[in-house]
Amino acid sequence: MGLRIAIVGLGSFGTRHAKTIRKLGLGEITAVVSRRTARKLLPEARSYKTAAELLEKEKIDAMVIAIPPSVHGEAEMLAARHGIPFFVEKPVSNDMITAHDILDEVRASGIITSVGYHSRYSSAISKAREILGSEEPLSIHGYWLDGVPDAEWWKKRGESGGQLVEQATHIIDIFRYLFGEPLEIYSKGRKSLSSVDFESSAETIITFPKDRIAVLSTSCEKEKGSKIGFTIGLRKGAMDYSWNGKLSVRSSDGTSTAGPDTPNQLYEDELRAFFKAVETGDRSLIRSDYEDAVRTLEASLLARESLRTGRPMKASIH
């Protein structure tokens, strides 16, 4: 028998992860916590109302947590106290107090954790890191320009954290992965949509070590299409990363590409790495563990706080 897996949350990403686990044969999903019925998707899994009830009645080897930012806490802390490794979707919370409470439990338990910053598993990002090892960036511009998702919780700052925290955190995380810990973060935005209670467009300037300065443009005002990724200007060309996981590298020698065959490969690779780490104990397979993801959350929250105060925020995470 393979790993016994529980899933907490069967929204869009919980469902995606459940299908990926079954497709790849990564383990047996024996239990779920969800407000939605799991009978059609996972007829073999037993359903529970809370993580506490699940852990009281089930013996599991790993947990996948895919819930809105505002309800993180109980599932992660209980998993840590029971010594159960967990994979959790980003952002890991929408406040630092909850994230640090969970992190304390994770450190005390010593469990393996992984967070769904799936771009880190792209060969495109590995290629970008390789290029930046020998070439200094002249400009760094990230963007998350899209519409408003259907989920009602996403539209409320108190539940999602806002676009910078819930979506653009991916770009902030990639920048941390490529350039190191932020030194200062400054954001300016505007509220132009009545459907959300936070800034619907914003520009964020992030200062990194070596005087590297990134600009992050975010908006949920688009009515059609999206533009998500980053562009890095180099002395000998440029790199463009798009949300399908592909990197285009332009130089005087021409254009080359790197990245997965399909966007789904990134979601598959992050779960393969997590469950392989659980089976073998090899933590080096994980490219974003809980502790590292808390640093991305802090940077995202500092960008949001700068929107509120109108002042640059000094980062404490470097």
C-alpha atoms as a PDB file:
ATOM      1  CA  MET A   1       0.000   0.000   0.000  1.00  0.00           C
ATOM      2  CA  GLY A   2       1.256   3.486  -0.881  1.00  0.00           C
ATOM      3  CA  LEU A   3       1.011   6.703   1.059  1.00  0.00           C
ATOM      4  CA  ARG A   4      -2.283   7.441   2.775  1.00  0.00           C
ATOM      5  CA  ILE A   5      -3.169  11.034   1.882  1.00  0.00           C
ATOM      6  CA  ALA A   6      -5.763  13.459   3.244  1.00  0.00           C
ATOM      7  CA  ILE A   7      -6.891  16.565   1.383  1.00  0.00           C
ATOM      8  CA  VAL A   8      -8.187  19.606   3.238  1.00  0.00           C
ATOM      9  CA  GLY A   9     -10.176  21.780   0.833  1.00  0.00           C
ATOM     10  CA  LEU A  10     -11.663  20.690  -2.493  1.00  0.00           C
ATOM     11  CA  GLY A  11     -11.917  23.998  -4.301  1.00  0.00           C
ATOM     12  CA  SER A  12     -10.240  24.486  -7.667  1.00  0.00           C
ATOM     13  CA  PHE A  13      -6.712  23.724  -6.449  1.00  0.00           C
ATOM     14  CA  GLY A  14      -7.674  20.967  -4.029  1.00  0.00           C
ATOM     15  CA  THR A  15      -9.499  19.279  -6.897  1.00  0.00           C
ATOM     16  CA  ARG A  16      -6.521  19.802  -9.213  1.00  0.00           C
ATOM     17  CA  HIS A  17      -4.169  18.231  -6.691  1.00  0.00           C
ATOM     18  CA  ALA A  18      -6.544  15.308  -6.078  1.00  0.00           C
ATOM     19  CA  LYS A  19      -6.684  14.560  -9.801  1.00  0.00           C
ATOM     20  CA  THR A  20      -2.891  14.864 -10.094  1.00  0.00           C
ATOM     21  CA  ILE A  21      -2.296  12.492  -7.175  1.00  0.00           C
ATOM     22  CA  ARG A  22      -4.580   9.898  -8.766  1.00  0.00           C
ATOM     23  CA  LYS A  23      -3.178  10.394 -12.270  1.00  0.00           C
ATOM     24  CA  LEU A  24       0.432   9.943 -11.139  1.00  0.00           C
ATOM     25  CA  GLY A  25      -0.305   7.210  -8.586  1.00  0.00           C
ATOM     26  CA  LEU A  26       1.347   9.183  -5.793  1.00  0.00           C
ATOM     27  CA  GLY A  27      -0.748   7.580  -3.068  1.00  0.00           C
ATOM     28  CA  GLU A  28      -4.258   6.753  -1.936  1.00  0.00           C
ATOM     29  CA  ILE A  29      -6.549   9.626  -0.972  1.00  0.00           C
ATOM     30  CA  THR A  30      -8.290   8.124   2.040  1.00  0.00           C
ATOM     31  CA  ALA A  31      -9.953  11.171   3.612  1.00  0.00           C
ATOM     32  CA  VAL A  32     -11.019  14.729   2.839  1.00  0.00           C
ATOM     33  CA  VAL A  33     -12.208  17.851   4.630  1.00  0.00           C
ATOM     34  CA  SER A  34     -14.490  19.885   2.394  1.00  0.00           C
ATOM     35  CA  ARG A  35     -17.734  21.795   2.321  1.00  0.00           C
ATOM     36  CA  ARG A  36     -18.339  20.265  -1.101  1.00  0.00           C
ATOM     37  CA  THR A  37     -19.261  16.640  -1.527  1.00  0.00           C
ATOM     38  CA  ALA A  38     -16.296  14.496  -2.532  1.00  0.00           C
ATOM     39  CA  ARG A  39     -18.372  11.466  -3.472  1.00  0.00           C
ATOM     40  CA  LYS A  40     -18.164  11.967  -7.232  1.00  0.00           C
ATOM     41  CA  LEU A  41     -14.489  12.946  -7.370  1.00  0.00           C
ATOM     42  CA  LEU A  42     -13.205  10.680  -4.593  1.00  0.00           C
ATOM     43  CA  PRO A  43     -15.777   7.962  -3.887  1.00  0.00           C
ATOM     44  CA  GLU A  44     -13.262   5.961  -1.858  1.00  0.00           C
ATOM     45  CA  ALA A  45     -12.407   8.825   0.529  1.00  0.00           C
ATOM     46  CA  ARG A  46     -14.118   9.383   3.862  1.00  0.00           C
ATOM     47  CA  SER A  47     -15.402  12.936   4.416  1.00  0.00           C
ATOM     48  CA  TYR A  48     -15.013  15.034   7.560  1.00  0.00           C
ATOM     49  CA  LYS A  49     -16.099  18.511   8.581  1.00  0.00           C
ATOM     50  CA  THR A  50     -12.827  19.503  10.264  1.00  0.00           C
ATOM     51  CA  ALA A  51      -9.168  18.551  10.236  1.00  0.00           C
ATOM     52  CA  ALA A  52      -9.423  17.788  13.957  1.00  0.00           C
ATOM     53  CA  GLU A  53     -12.147  15.213  13.343  1.00  0.00           C
ATOM     54  CA  LEU A  54     -10.192  13.683  10.459  1.00  0.00           C
ATOM     55  CA  LEU A  55      -6.994  13.318  12.451  1.00  0.00           C
ATOM     56  CA  GLU A  56      -8.876  11.851  15.383  1.00  0.00           C
ATOM     57  CA  LYS A  57     -10.258   9.024  13.246  1.00  0.00           C
ATOM     58  CA  GLU A  58      -7.773   8.493  10.419  1.00  0.00           C
ATOM     59  CA  LYS A  59      -4.206   7.287  10.108  1.00  0.00           C
ATOM     60  CA  ILE A  60      -2.563   9.223   7.308  1.00  0.00           C
ATOM     61  CA  ASP A  61       0.970   9.702   6.026  1.00  0.00           C
ATOM     62  CA  ALA A  62       0.652  13.142   4.402  1.00  0.00           C
ATOM     63  CA  MET A  63      -1.788  16.001   4.022  1.00  0.00           C
ATOM     64  CA  VAL A  64      -2.538  18.404   1.157  1.00  0.00           C
ATOM     65  CA  ILE A  65      -4.079  21.721   2.280  1.00  0.00           C
ATOM     66  CA  ALA A  66      -5.775  23.969  -0.290  1.00  0.00           C
ATOM     67  CA  ILE A  67      -7.939  26.538   1.475  1.00  0.00           C
ATOM     68  CA  PRO A  68      -8.468  30.330   1.340  1.00  0.00           C
ATOM     69  CA  PRO A  69      -5.754  32.440   3.037  1.00  0.00           C
ATOM     70  CA  SER A  70      -7.919  33.547   5.955  1.00  0.00           C
ATOM     71  CA  VAL A  71      -8.675  30.015   7.188  1.00  0.00           C
ATOM     72  CA  HIS A  72      -5.128  28.703   7.451  1.00  0.00           C
ATOM     73  CA  GLY A  73      -4.014  27.649  10.894  1.00  0.00           C
ATOM     74  CA  GLU A  74      -5.846  24.701  12.412  1.00  0.00           C
ATOM     75  CA  ALA A  75      -5.067  22.122   9.724  1.00  0.00           C
ATOM     76  CA  GLU A  76      -1.351  22.951   9.561  1.00  0.00           C
ATOM     77  CA  MET A  77      -0.826  23.117  13.323  1.00  0.00           C
ATOM     78  CA  LEU A  78      -2.695  19.867  13.923  1.00  0.00           C
ATOM     79  CA  ALA A  79      -0.743  18.135  11.172  1.00  0.00           C
ATOM     80  CA  ALA A  80       2.533  19.310  12.726  1.00  0.00           C
ATOM     81  CA  ARG A  81       1.478  18.184  16.207  1.00  0.00           C
ATOM     82  CA  HIS A  82       0.604  14.753  14.819  1.00  0.00           C
ATOM     83  CA  GLY A  83       3.916  14.565  12.952  1.00  0.00           C
ATOM     84  CA  ILE A  84       2.237  14.536   9.535  1.00  0.00           C
ATOM     85  CA  PRO A  85       4.065  16.159   6.580  1.00  0.00           C
ATOM     86  CA  PHE A  86       1.952  18.622   4.634  1.00  0.00           C
ATOM     87  CA  PHE A  87       1.820  20.362   1.293  1.00  0.00           C
ATOM     88  CA  VAL A  88      -0.036  23.687   1.451  1.00  0.00           C
ATOM     89  CA  GLU A  89      -1.145  26.099  -1.235  1.00  0.00           C
ATOM     90  CA  LYS A  90       0.105  29.669  -1.269  1.00  0.00           C
ATOM     91  CA  PRO A  91      -0.165  32.142   0.333  1.00  0.00           C
ATOM     92  CA  VAL A  92       0.385  30.336   3.625  1.00  0.00           C
ATOM     93  CA  SER A  93      -1.841  32.866   5.432  1.00  0.00           C
ATOM     94  CA  ASN A  94      -2.962  36.469   5.135  1.00  0.00           C
ATOM     95  CA  ASP A  95      -1.319  37.541   8.401  1.00  0.00           C
ATOM     96  CA  MET A  96       2.101  37.003   9.946  1.00  0.00           C
ATOM     97  CA  ILE A  97       0.860  35.996  13.408  1.00  0.00           C
ATOM     98  CA  THR A  98      -0.875  32.900  12.054  1.00  0.00           C
ATOM     99  CA  ALA A  99       2.057  32.063   9.787  1.00  0.00           C
ATOM    100  CA  HIS A 100       4.555  32.302  12.654  1.00  0.00           C
ATOM    101  CA  ASP A 101       2.328  30.214  14.939  1.00  0.00           C
ATOM    102  CA  ILE A 102       2.276  27.490  12.292  1.00  0.00           C
ATOM    103  CA  LEU A 103       6.013  27.858  11.674  1.00  0.00           C
ATOM    104  CA  ASP A 104       6.711  27.341  15.400  1.00  0.00           C
ATOM    105  CA  GLU A 105       4.789  24.055  15.281  1.00  0.00           C
ATOM    106  CA  VAL A 106       6.544  22.993  12.067  1.00  0.00           C
ATOM    107  CA  ARG A 107       9.978  23.656  13.562  1.00  0.00           C
ATOM    108  CA  ALA A 108       9.107  21.827  16.777  1.00  0.00           C
ATOM    109  CA  SER A 109       7.846  18.775  14.903  1.00  0.00           C
ATOM    110  CA  GLY A 110      10.596  18.607  12.286  1.00  0.00           C
ATOM    111  CA  ILE A 111       8.097  17.492   9.613  1.00  0.00           C
ATOM    112  CA  ILE A 112       8.657  17.849   5.883  1.00  0.00           C
ATOM    113  CA  THR A 113       6.619  20.674   4.342  1.00  0.00           C
ATOM    114  CA  SER A 114       6.127  22.067   0.867  1.00  0.00           C
ATOM    115  CA  VAL A 115       4.298  25.145  -0.446  1.00  0.00           C
ATOM    116  CA  GLY A 116       2.681  25.534  -3.871  1.00  0.00           C
ATOM    117  CA  TYR A 117       5.055  28.003  -5.471  1.00  0.00           C
ATOM    118  CA  HIS A 118       5.140  25.727  -8.490  1.00  0.00           C
ATOM    119  CA  SER A 119       7.195  28.026 -10.752  1.00  0.00           C
ATOM    120  CA  ARG A 120      10.267  27.100  -8.734  1.00  0.00           C
ATOM    121  CA  TYR A 121      10.025  23.631 -10.297  1.00  0.00           C
ATOM    122  CA  SER A 122      10.197  24.988 -13.852  1.00  0.00           C
ATOM    123  CA  SER A 123      13.354  24.389 -15.864  1.00  0.00           C
ATOM    124  CA  ALA A 124      12.730  27.926 -17.143  1.00  0.00           C
ATOM    125  CA  ILE A 125      13.383  29.408 -13.708  1.00  0.00           C
ATOM    126  CA  SER A 126      16.465  27.199 -13.330  1.00  0.00           C
ATOM    127  CA  LYS A 127      17.700  28.588 -16.645  1.00  0.00           C
ATOM    128  CA  ALA A 128      17.017  32.155 -15.499  1.00  0.00           C
ATOM    129  CA  ARG A 129      19.060  31.554 -12.331  1.00  0.00           C
ATOM    130  CA  GLU A 130      21.889  30.154 -14.423  1.00  0.00           C
ATOM    131  CA  ILE A 131      21.936  33.204 -16.715  1.00  0.00           C
ATOM    132  CA  LEU A 132      21.777  35.627 -13.779  1.00  0.00           C
ATOM    133  CA  GLY A 133      24.808  33.884 -12.301  1.00  0.00           C
ATOM    134  CA  SER A 134      26.932  35.472 -15.003  1.00  0.00           C
ATOM    135  CA  GLU A 135      24.877  38.436 -16.275  1.00  0.00           C
ATOM    136  CA  GLU A 136      23.751  41.472 -14.296  1.00  0.00           C
ATOM    137  CA  PRO A 137      20.125  42.521 -14.860  1.00  0.00           C
ATOM    138  CA  LEU A 138      19.590  46.034 -16.183  1.00  0.00           C
ATOM    139  CA  SER A 139      15.854  46.047 -15.519  1.00  0.00           C
ATOM    140  CA  ILE A 140      13.400  43.761 -13.721  1.00  0.00           C
ATOM    141  CA  HIS A 141       9.684  44.042 -14.411  1.00  0.00           C
ATOM    142  CA  GLY A 142       7.076  41.617 -13.118  1.00  0.00           C
ATOM    143  CA  TYR A 143       3.364  41.749 -13.887  1.00  0.00           C
ATOM    144  CA  TRP A 144       0.115  40.122 -12.860  1.00  0.00           C
ATOM    145  CA  LEU A 145      -2.593  41.710 -14.972  1.00  0.00           C
ATOM    146  CA  ASP A 146      -5.865  39.812 -14.974  1.00  0.00           C
ATOM    147  CA  GLY A 147      -9.561  40.004 -14.131  1.00  0.00           C
ATOM    148  CA  VAL A 148     -11.419  39.356 -10.875  1.00  0.00           C
ATOM    149  CA  PRO A 149     -11.847  35.633 -10.043  1.00  0.00           C
ATOM    150  CA  ASP A 150     -15.346  34.323  -9.360  1.00  0.00           C
ATOM    151  CA  ALA A 151     -14.666  33.268  -5.751  1.00  0.00           C
ATOM    152  CA  GLU A 152     -16.374  35.695  -3.361  1.00  0.00           C
ATOM    153  CA  TRP A 153     -13.657  35.310  -0.724  1.00  0.00           C
ATOM    154  CA  TRP A 154     -11.050  36.560  -3.224  1.00  0.00           C
ATOM    155  CA  LYS A 155     -12.779  39.942  -3.500  1.00  0.00           C
ATOM    156  CA  LYS A 156     -12.379  40.695   0.218  1.00  0.00           C
ATOM    157  CA  ARG A 157      -9.044  41.853   1.627  1.00  0.00           C
ATOM    158  CA  GLY A 158      -9.830  40.256   4.993  1.00  0.00           C
ATOM    159  CA  GLU A 159     -10.176  36.837   3.371  1.00  0.00           C
ATOM    160  CA  SER A 160      -7.791  36.785   0.398  1.00  0.00           C
ATOM    161  CA  GLY A 161      -5.317  39.438   1.504  1.00  0.00           C
ATOM    162  CA  GLY A 162      -5.829  41.270  -1.786  1.00  0.00           C
ATOM    163  CA  GLN A 163      -4.231  40.691  -5.172  1.00  0.00           C
ATOM    164  CA  LEU A 164      -0.656  41.353  -4.032  1.00  0.00           C
ATOM    165  CA  VAL A 165      -0.950  38.704  -1.328  1.00  0.00           C
ATOM    166  CA  GLU A 166      -3.085  36.094  -3.079  1.00  0.00           C
ATOM    167  CA  GLN A 167      -1.879  36.227  -6.698  1.00  0.00           C
ATOM    168  CA  ALA A 168       1.192  38.400  -7.223  1.00  0.00           C
ATOM    169  CA  THR A 169       2.863  36.559  -4.349  1.00  0.00           C
ATOM    170  CA  HIS A 170       3.990  34.135  -7.093  1.00  0.00           C
ATOM    171  CA  ILE A 171       6.016  36.862  -8.804  1.00  0.00           C
ATOM    172  CA  ILE A 172       7.403  38.113  -5.490  1.00  0.00           C
ATOM    173  CA  ASP A 173       8.454  34.549  -4.701  1.00  0.00           C
ATOM    174  CA  ILE A 174      10.203  34.100  -8.056  1.00  0.00           C
ATOM    175  CA  PHE A 175      12.037  37.381  -7.516  1.00  0.00           C
ATOM    176  CA  ARG A 176      13.171  36.218  -4.056  1.00  0.00           C
ATOM    177  CA  TYR A 177      14.333  32.947  -5.621  1.00  0.00           C
ATOM    178  CA  LEU A 178      16.310  34.810  -8.283  1.00  0.00           C
ATOM    179  CA  PHE A 179      17.608  37.884  -6.424  1.00  0.00           C
ATOM    180  CA  GLY A 180      17.579  37.164  -2.677  1.00  0.00           C
ATOM    181  CA  GLU A 181      15.708  38.790   0.185  1.00  0.00           C
ATOM    182  CA  PRO A 182      14.087  42.209  -0.348  1.00  0.00           C
ATOM    183  CA  LEU A 183      15.541  45.210   1.435  1.00  0.00           C
ATOM    184  CA  GLU A 184      12.752  47.748   0.895  1.00  0.00           C
ATOM    185  CA  ILE A 185       9.272  47.626  -0.638  1.00  0.00           C
ATOM    186  CA  TYR A 186       7.163  50.573  -1.781  1.00  0.00           C
ATOM    187  CA  SER A 187       3.696  50.396  -3.361  1.00  0.00           C
ATOM    188  CA  LYS A 188       1.210  52.877  -4.780  1.00  0.00           C
ATOM    189  CA  GLY A 189      -2.228  51.889  -5.989  1.00  0.00           C
ATOM    190  CA  ARG A 190      -5.737  52.933  -6.842  1.00  0.00           C
ATOM    191  CA  LYS A 191      -9.217  51.601  -6.148  1.00  0.00           C
ATOM    192  CA  SER A 192     -11.226  51.585  -9.356  1.00  0.00           C
ATOM    193  CA  LEU A 193     -13.503  48.549  -8.998  1.00  0.00           C
ATOM    194  CA  SER A 194     -16.542  48.309  -6.750  1.00  0.00           C
ATOM    195  CA  SER A 195     -16.413  44.500  -6.863  1.00  0.00           C
ATOM    196  CA  VAL A 196     -13.273  44.323  -4.683  1.00  0.00           C
ATOM    197  CA  ASP A 197     -12.500  46.159  -1.430  1.00  0.00           C
ATOM    198  CA  PHE A 198      -8.770  46.635  -2.105  1.00  0.00           C
ATOM    199  CA  GLU A 199      -6.605  48.418  -4.664  1.00  0.00           C
ATOM    200  CA  SER A 200      -7.515  47.099  -8.098  1.00  0.00           C
ATOM    201  CA  SER A 201      -4.248  48.299  -9.653  1.00  0.00           C
ATOM    202  CA  ALA A 202      -0.851  48.942  -8.097  1.00  0.00           C
ATOM    203  CA  GLU A 203       2.819  49.477  -8.817  1.00  0.00           C
ATOM    204  CA  THR A 204       5.354  48.058  -6.375  1.00  0.00           C
ATOM    205  CA  ILE A 205       9.080  48.805  -6.282  1.00  0.00           C
ATOM    206  CA  ILE A 206      11.228  46.176  -4.565  1.00  0.00           C
ATOM    207  CA  THR A 207      14.879  46.816  -3.772  1.00  0.00           C
ATOM    208  CA  PHE A 208      17.104  43.731  -3.591  1.00  0.00           C
ATOM    209  CA  PRO A 209      20.794  43.316  -2.674  1.00  0.00           C
ATOM    210  CA  LYS A 210      23.393  44.541  -5.189  1.00  0.00           C
ATOM    211  CA  ASP A 211      21.157  47.552  -5.963  1.00  0.00           C
ATOM    212  CA  ARG A 212      18.819  45.412  -8.050  1.00  0.00           C
ATOM    213  CA  ILE A 213      15.446  47.144  -8.338  1.00  0.00           C
ATOM    214  CA  ALA A 214      12.301  45.343  -9.501  1.00  0.00           C
ATOM    215  CA  VAL A 215       8.987  46.858 -10.525  1.00  0.00           C
ATOM    216  CA  LEU A 216       5.867  44.746 -10.051  1.00  0.00           C
ATOM    217  CA  SER A 217       2.683  45.842 -11.855  1.00  0.00           C
ATOM    218  CA  THR A 218      -0.588  44.347 -10.651  1.00  0.00           C
ATOM    219  CA  SER A 219      -4.191  44.820 -11.717  1.00  0.00           C
ATOM    220  CA  CYS A 220      -7.441  42.877 -11.604  1.00  0.00           C
ATOM    221  CA  GLU A 221      -9.153  45.370 -13.923  1.00  0.00           C
ATOM    222  CA  LYS A 222      -8.639  43.486 -17.202  1.00  0.00           C
ATOM    223  CA  GLU A 223     -11.870  42.489 -18.906  1.00  0.00           C
ATOM    224  CA  LYS A 224     -10.288  40.044 -21.340  1.00  0.00           C
ATOM    225  CA  GLY A 225      -7.053  38.078 -21.392  1.00  0.00           C
ATOM    226  CA  SER A 226      -4.188  38.228 -18.925  1.00  0.00           C
ATOM    227  CA  LYS A 227      -0.500  39.069 -18.766  1.00  0.00           C
ATOM    228  CA  ILE A 228       1.394  37.237 -16.052  1.00  0.00           C
ATOM    229  CA  GLY A 229       5.147  36.788 -15.747  1.00  0.00           C
ATOM    230  CA  PHE A 230       8.273  38.924 -15.855  1.00  0.00           C
ATOM    231  CA  THR A 231      10.809  40.507 -18.188  1.00  0.00           C
ATOM    232  CA  ILE A 232      14.469  40.944 -17.250  1.00  0.00           C
ATOM    233  CA  GLY A 233      16.641  43.217 -19.362  1.00  0.00           C
ATOM    234  CA  LEU A 234      20.265  42.131 -19.809  1.00  0.00           C
ATOM    235  CA  ARG A 235      23.287  43.790 -21.382  1.00  0.00           C
ATOM    236  CA  LYS A 236      23.257  41.194 -24.154  1.00  0.00           C
ATOM    237  CA  GLY A 237      19.531  40.694 -24.532  1.00  0.00           C
ATOM    238  CA  ALA A 238      16.494  39.937 -22.371  1.00  0.00           C
ATOM    239  CA  MET A 239      14.512  37.157 -20.708  1.00  0.00           C
ATOM    240  CA  ASP A 240      10.723  36.863 -20.774  1.00  0.00           C
ATOM    241  CA  TYR A 241       8.897  34.420 -18.491  1.00  0.00           C
ATOM    242  CA  SER A 242       5.214  33.665 -19.056  1.00  0.00           C
ATOM    243  CA  TRP A 243       2.698  31.904 -16.841  1.00  0.00           C
ATOM    244  CA  ASN A 244       2.753  28.746 -18.970  1.00  0.00           C
ATOM    245  CA  GLY A 245       6.188  28.122 -17.458  1.00  0.00           C
ATOM    246  CA  LYS A 246       8.169  29.060 -20.561  1.00  0.00           C
ATOM    247  CA  LEU A 247      11.236  31.316 -20.656  1.00  0.00           C
ATOM    248  CA  SER A 248      12.250  33.087 -23.862  1.00  0.00           C
ATOM    249  CA  VAL A 249      15.864  34.236 -23.945  1.00  0.00           C
ATOM    250  CA  ARG A 250      16.743  36.833 -26.595  1.00  0.00           C
ATOM    251  CA  SER A 251      20.310  37.754 -27.535  1.00  0.00           C
ATOM    252  CA  SER A 252      22.409  38.690 -30.555  1.00  0.00           C
ATOM    253  CA  ASP A 253      22.731  34.961 -31.231  1.00  0.00           C
ATOM    254  CA  GLY A 254      18.985  34.565 -31.603  1.00  0.00           C
ATOM    255  CA  THR A 255      16.162  33.359 -29.362  1.00  0.00           C
ATOM    256  CA  SER A 256      16.040  30.206 -27.270  1.00  0.00           C
ATOM    257  CA  THR A 257      13.374  28.811 -24.964  1.00  0.00           C
ATOM    258  CA  ALA A 258      13.252  26.726 -21.811  1.00  0.00           C
ATOM    259  CA  GLY A 259      10.433  25.306 -19.749  1.00  0.00           C
ATOM    260  CA  PRO A 260       8.023  22.388 -19.372  1.00  0.00           C
ATOM    261  CA  ASP A 261       6.153  20.685 -22.197  1.00  0.00           C
ATOM    262  CA  THR A 262       2.837  21.682 -20.590  1.00  0.00           C
ATOM    263  CA  PRO A 263       1.850  24.060 -17.747  1.00  0.00           C
ATOM    264  CA  ASN A 264       0.417  21.081 -15.822  1.00  0.00           C
ATOM    265  CA  GLN A 265       3.910  19.618 -15.543  1.00  0.00           C
ATOM    266  CA  LEU A 266       4.813  22.202 -12.887  1.00  0.00           C
ATOM    267  CA  TYR A 267       1.896  21.144 -10.676  1.00  0.00           C
ATOM    268  CA  GLU A 268       2.846  17.524 -11.202  1.00  0.00           C
ATOM    269  CA  ASP A 269       6.523  18.113 -10.426  1.00  0.00           C
ATOM    270  CA  GLU A 270       5.855  19.951  -7.157  1.00  0.00           C
ATOM    271  CA  LEU A 271       3.664  17.092  -5.895  1.00  0.00           C
ATOM    272  CA  ARG A 272       6.098  14.437  -7.101  1.00  0.00           C
ATOM    273  CA  ALA A 273       8.875  16.201  -5.194  1.00  0.00           C
ATOM    274  CA  PHE A 274       6.816  16.488  -2.004  1.00  0.00           C
ATOM    275  CA  PHE A 275       5.636  12.892  -1.867  1.00  0.00           C
ATOM    276  CA  LYS A 276       9.072  11.592  -2.841  1.00  0.00           C
ATOM    277  CA  ALA A 277      10.546  13.640   0.007  1.00  0.00           C
ATOM    278  CA  VAL A 278       7.966  12.159   2.391  1.00  0.00           C
ATOM    279  CA  GLU A 279       8.830   8.628   1.280  1.00  0.00           C
ATOM    280  CA  THR A 280      12.624   9.059   1.333  1.00  0.00           C
ATOM    281  CA  GLY A 281      13.201  11.841   3.842  1.00  0.00           C
ATOM    282  CA  ASP A 282      15.174  13.782   1.191  1.00  0.00           C
ATOM    283  CA  ARG A 283      14.303  17.430   1.935  1.00  0.00           C
ATOM    284  CA  SER A 284      16.546  18.669  -0.895  1.00  0.00           C
ATOM    285  CA  LEU A 285      13.749  17.786  -3.324  1.00  0.00           C
ATOM    286  CA  ILE A 286      11.609  20.607  -1.890  1.00  0.00           C
ATOM    287  CA  ARG A 287      12.206  24.024  -3.474  1.00  0.00           C
ATOM    288  CA  SER A 288       9.798  25.973  -1.256  1.00  0.00           C
ATOM    289  CA  ASP A 289       9.265  24.715   2.279  1.00  0.00           C
ATOM    290  CA  TYR A 290       7.024  26.363   4.859  1.00  0.00           C
ATOM    291  CA  GLU A 291       9.754  28.478   6.430  1.00  0.00           C
ATOM    292  CA  ASP A 292      10.862  29.864   3.083  1.00  0.00           C
ATOM    293  CA  ALA A 293       7.255  30.577   2.041  1.00  0.00           C
ATOM    294  CA  VAL A 294       6.726  32.612   5.229  1.00  0.00           C
ATOM    295  CA  ARG A 295       9.419  34.987   3.942  1.00  0.00           C
ATOM    296  CA  THR A 296       7.499  35.405   0.696  1.00  0.00           C
ATOM    297  CA  LEU A 297       4.350  36.095   2.700  1.00  0.00           C
ATOM    298  CA  GLU A 298       6.141  38.768   4.708  1.00  0.00           C
ATOM    299  CA  ALA A 299       7.310  40.490   1.526  1.00  0.00           C
ATOM    300  CA  SER A 300       3.784  40.337   0.077  1.00  0.00           C
ATOM    301  CA  LEU A 301       2.280  41.782   3.261  1.00  0.00           C
ATOM    302  CA  LEU A 302       4.862  44.568   3.320  1.00  0.00           C
ATOM    303  CA  ALA A 303       3.793  45.532  -0.201  1.00  0.00           C
ATOM    304  CA  ARG A 304       0.186  45.620   0.978  1.00  0.00           C
ATOM    305  CA  GLU A 305       1.101  47.635   4.071  1.00  0.00           C
ATOM    306  CA  SER A 306       2.929  50.149   1.901  1.00  0.00           C
ATOM    307  CA  LEU A 307      -0.290  50.593  -0.075  1.00  0.00           C
ATOM    308  CA  ARG A 308      -2.055  51.405   3.195  1.00  0.00           C
ATOM    309  CA  THR A 309       0.528  53.786   4.637  1.00  0.00           C
ATOM    310  CA  GLY A 310       1.883  55.333   1.457  1.00  0.00           C
ATOM    311  CA  ARG A 311       5.404  54.801   2.799  1.00  0.00           C
ATOM    312  CA  PRO A 312       8.310  52.526   1.837  1.00  0.00           C
ATOM    313  CA  MET A 313       8.580  49.506   4.127  1.00  0.00           C
ATOM    314  CA  LYS A 314      11.918  48.196   5.358  1.00  0.00           C
ATOM    315  CA  ALA A 315      12.091  44.413   5.193  1.00  0.00           C
ATOM    316  CA  SER A 316      13.301  42.397   8.167  1.00  0.00           C
ATOM    317  CA  ILE A 317      13.743  39.176   6.232  1.00  0.00           C
ATOM    318  CA  HIS A 318      17.194  39.806   4.773  1.00  0.00           C
END
